[in-house]
């Protein structure tokens, strides 16, 4: 379980305590309501004096700001990404993960391409696959479906459902409410600090 104590948004005087069960949690709210800010605090990207977070020791965060070097080839980026988590057999790790879902992401077609030549949806799906292939207790996903086509979104939902069935914790910021129909089991948390 993730616990956030004395959480303040936008330096307000109001502080809240939040407990999040280790399952698929969908975080909704208006633009500017503090959803991304909450994920930034949970991940450790932002810190606030007095805020105490426990249970976030083994997590990975897919934020909205995908940072790619456009000149890197896909395989070079994959190698770089996995080295951050001390994974040496980078190609086999991603290939095996992709095979588990029917090779629906065409790695062979993209492997030698420069990142800058991929569409926005291809970049997002690649980033999602890399994030979800890591063996973590918690996955923080900030608007993962934005800019991804319908087939890609279906694949993403399958992966989320599988990780959920493995008792992994997830917090997913979502604006596309129709995506909820593709998720097997989830809780909705509404945030409104804006």
Protein backbone atom coordinates (compact mmCIF):
# COMPACT_ATOMS: atom_id res chain seq x y z
CA UNK A 1 0.00 0.00 0.00
CA UNK A 2 1.14 3.52 -0.78
CA UNK A 3 0.59 6.10 1.94
CA UNK A 4 0.96 9.83 1.53
CA UNK A 5 0.73 11.86 4.72
CA UNK A 6 0.45 15.63 4.99
CA UNK A 7 0.22 16.13 1.20
CA UNK A 8 -0.22 19.75 0.13
CA UNK A 9 -0.84 20.95 -3.40
CA UNK A 10 0.17 24.38 -4.69
CA UNK A 11 1.47 25.36 -1.24
CA UNK A 12 -2.04 25.60 0.19
CA UNK A 13 -2.69 25.37 3.92
CA UNK A 14 -4.85 22.29 3.46
CA UNK A 15 -3.05 18.97 3.91
CA UNK A 16 -4.54 15.54 3.23
CA UNK A 17 -3.60 11.94 3.88
CA UNK A 18 -4.03 9.43 1.06
CA UNK A 19 -3.82 5.62 1.12
CA UNK A 20 -3.72 3.77 -2.19
CA UNK A 21 -4.27 0.02 -2.38
CA UNK A 22 -1.95 -2.11 -4.49
CA UNK A 23 -4.22 -2.58 -7.51
CA UNK A 24 -5.30 -0.60 -10.57
CA UNK A 25 -6.26 2.89 -9.43
CA UNK A 26 -7.57 5.38 -11.97
CA UNK A 27 -6.99 9.01 -11.01
CA UNK A 28 -9.42 11.48 -12.55
CA UNK A 29 -10.01 15.19 -12.18
CA UNK A 30 -10.19 18.42 -14.11
CA UNK A 31 -7.15 19.92 -15.81
CA UNK A 32 -5.02 21.58 -13.16
CA UNK A 33 -6.54 19.60 -10.30
CA UNK A 34 -3.20 18.19 -9.11
CA UNK A 35 -3.12 14.71 -10.67
CA UNK A 36 0.32 15.02 -12.24
CA UNK A 37 1.60 16.86 -9.17
CA UNK A 38 0.52 13.94 -6.98
CA UNK A 39 2.39 11.47 -9.22
CA UNK A 40 5.45 13.74 -9.17
CA UNK A 41 5.46 13.62 -5.36
CA UNK A 42 4.88 9.86 -5.17
CA UNK A 43 7.73 9.25 -7.62
CA UNK A 44 10.08 11.56 -5.74
CA UNK A 45 10.47 14.06 -8.59
CA UNK A 46 9.03 16.74 -6.30
CA UNK A 47 9.42 17.05 -2.57
CA UNK A 48 7.48 19.11 -0.06
CA UNK A 49 8.60 19.70 3.49
CA UNK A 50 6.44 17.70 5.85
CA UNK A 51 5.04 15.30 3.24
CA UNK A 52 5.79 11.68 4.14
CA UNK A 53 5.37 8.94 1.52
CA UNK A 54 5.77 5.24 2.29
CA UNK A 55 5.48 2.20 0.03
CA UNK A 56 7.01 3.89 -3.02
CA UNK A 57 10.40 2.18 -2.93
CA UNK A 58 9.95 -0.03 -6.03
CA UNK A 59 8.15 2.00 -8.67
CA UNK A 60 8.48 3.36 -12.16
CA UNK A 61 6.88 6.55 -13.50
CA UNK A 62 5.70 7.11 -17.07
CA UNK A 63 5.22 10.85 -17.05
CA UNK A 64 3.79 12.92 -19.89
CA UNK A 65 7.18 14.32 -20.87
CA UNK A 66 8.73 11.57 -22.92
CA UNK A 67 12.36 12.52 -23.39
CA UNK A 68 14.01 10.93 -26.39
CA UNK A 69 17.16 11.81 -28.29
CA UNK A 70 15.78 11.93 -31.83
CA UNK A 71 19.04 10.75 -33.40
CA UNK A 72 19.26 7.59 -31.31
CA UNK A 73 18.05 4.43 -32.94
CA UNK A 74 15.30 2.53 -31.16
CA UNK A 75 17.69 -0.26 -30.10
CA UNK A 76 20.12 2.31 -28.66
CA UNK A 77 17.37 3.94 -26.63
CA UNK A 78 16.11 0.55 -25.40
CA UNK A 79 19.65 -0.35 -24.31
CA UNK A 80 20.03 3.00 -22.51
CA UNK A 81 16.63 2.65 -20.81
CA UNK A 82 17.24 -0.87 -19.51
CA UNK A 83 20.73 -0.02 -18.27
CA UNK A 84 19.10 2.49 -15.91
CA UNK A 85 17.46 -0.53 -14.25
CA UNK A 86 20.62 -2.69 -14.54
CA UNK A 87 19.15 -4.98 -17.23
CA UNK A 88 21.90 -6.19 -19.55
CA UNK A 89 20.02 -8.43 -22.01
CA UNK A 90 17.94 -5.52 -23.25
CA UNK A 91 16.78 -6.87 -26.62
CA UNK A 92 15.62 -10.22 -25.24
CA UNK A 93 13.85 -8.52 -22.32
CA UNK A 94 11.73 -6.37 -24.63
CA UNK A 95 11.26 -9.07 -27.28
CA UNK A 96 10.04 -11.58 -24.67
CA UNK A 97 7.66 -9.03 -23.17
CA UNK A 98 6.31 -8.15 -26.62
CA UNK A 99 5.96 -11.86 -27.55
CA UNK A 100 3.81 -12.42 -24.46
CA UNK A 101 1.28 -10.09 -26.12
CA UNK A 102 1.41 -11.57 -29.62
CA UNK A 103 4.17 -9.35 -31.08
CA UNK A 104 1.59 -6.67 -31.74
CA UNK A 105 4.19 -3.92 -31.48
CA UNK A 106 6.37 -4.31 -34.57
CA UNK A 107 9.81 -4.12 -32.99
CA UNK A 108 11.58 -5.54 -36.05
CA UNK A 109 10.24 -2.72 -38.22
CA UNK A 110 11.30 -0.05 -35.73
CA UNK A 111 14.49 -1.51 -34.21
CA UNK A 112 16.94 0.31 -36.53
CA UNK A 113 14.88 3.49 -36.98
CA UNK A 114 15.89 6.75 -35.42
CA UNK A 115 13.57 7.79 -32.60
CA UNK A 116 12.87 11.04 -34.45
CA UNK A 117 11.36 9.05 -37.34
CA UNK A 118 8.70 7.42 -35.14
CA UNK A 119 5.22 8.87 -34.88
CA UNK A 120 4.09 10.31 -31.56
CA UNK A 121 1.92 7.25 -30.97
CA UNK A 122 4.79 4.85 -31.73
CA UNK A 123 7.05 6.70 -29.28
CA UNK A 124 4.37 6.61 -26.60
CA UNK A 125 3.70 2.90 -27.09
CA UNK A 126 7.44 2.10 -27.06
CA UNK A 127 7.85 4.07 -23.82
CA UNK A 128 4.82 2.30 -22.30
CA UNK A 129 6.17 -1.16 -23.25
CA UNK A 130 9.55 -0.34 -21.74
CA UNK A 131 7.98 0.94 -18.51
CA UNK A 132 5.59 -1.99 -18.13
CA UNK A 133 8.26 -4.59 -18.93
CA UNK A 134 10.14 -3.62 -15.78
CA UNK A 135 9.53 -5.80 -12.73
CA UNK A 136 8.17 -3.20 -10.30
CA UNK A 137 5.65 -3.15 -7.47
CA UNK A 138 4.08 0.13 -8.63
CA UNK A 139 3.52 1.72 -12.04
CA UNK A 140 2.60 5.41 -12.25
CA UNK A 141 1.14 6.21 -15.67
CA UNK A 142 0.29 9.82 -16.51
CA UNK A 143 -2.17 9.89 -19.42
CA UNK A 144 -0.66 6.83 -21.14
CA UNK A 145 -3.37 6.52 -23.82
CA UNK A 146 -3.11 10.08 -25.20
CA UNK A 147 -1.97 10.04 -28.84
CA UNK A 148 -2.05 6.24 -29.19
CA UNK A 149 -4.27 4.58 -31.82
CA UNK A 150 -7.06 2.14 -30.97
CA UNK A 151 -4.99 -1.02 -31.50
CA UNK A 152 -2.21 0.37 -29.34
CA UNK A 153 -4.70 1.31 -26.63
CA UNK A 154 -6.11 -2.22 -26.63
CA UNK A 155 -2.61 -3.64 -26.21
CA UNK A 156 -1.93 -1.20 -23.38
CA UNK A 157 -5.14 -2.24 -21.60
CA UNK A 158 -4.20 -5.93 -21.92
CA UNK A 159 -0.83 -5.22 -20.34
CA UNK A 160 -2.41 -3.17 -17.55
CA UNK A 161 -4.92 -5.96 -16.87
CA UNK A 162 -2.13 -8.55 -16.77
CA UNK A 163 -0.01 -6.51 -14.37
CA UNK A 164 -3.11 -5.93 -12.23
CA UNK A 165 -3.75 -9.70 -12.10
CA UNK A 166 -0.16 -10.08 -10.83
CA UNK A 167 -1.06 -7.81 -7.88
CA UNK A 168 1.03 -4.90 -9.07
CA UNK A 169 -0.04 -1.45 -7.99
CA UNK A 170 -0.91 1.18 -10.57
CA UNK A 171 -2.03 4.77 -10.52
CA UNK A 172 -3.22 5.82 -13.96
CA UNK A 173 -4.14 9.42 -14.74
CA UNK A 174 -6.94 9.21 -17.25
CA UNK A 175 -9.04 11.62 -19.30
CA UNK A 176 -10.31 9.06 -21.83
CA UNK A 177 -13.10 7.62 -19.66
CA UNK A 178 -14.13 5.18 -22.41
CA UNK A 179 -10.86 3.33 -21.69
CA UNK A 180 -12.36 2.16 -18.39
CA UNK A 181 -14.49 -0.34 -20.32
CA UNK A 182 -11.31 -2.19 -21.31
CA UNK A 183 -9.95 -2.46 -17.78
CA UNK A 184 -10.93 -5.55 -15.79
CA UNK A 185 -10.77 -4.32 -12.22
CA UNK A 186 -10.04 -0.82 -10.99
CA UNK A 187 -10.90 1.84 -8.45
CA UNK A 188 -11.52 5.46 -9.36
CA UNK A 189 -9.99 8.25 -7.29
CA UNK A 190 -11.11 11.82 -7.94
CA UNK A 191 -8.73 14.66 -7.24
CA UNK A 192 -9.75 18.31 -7.30
CA UNK A 193 -7.27 20.81 -5.91
CA UNK A 194 -7.28 23.22 -8.86
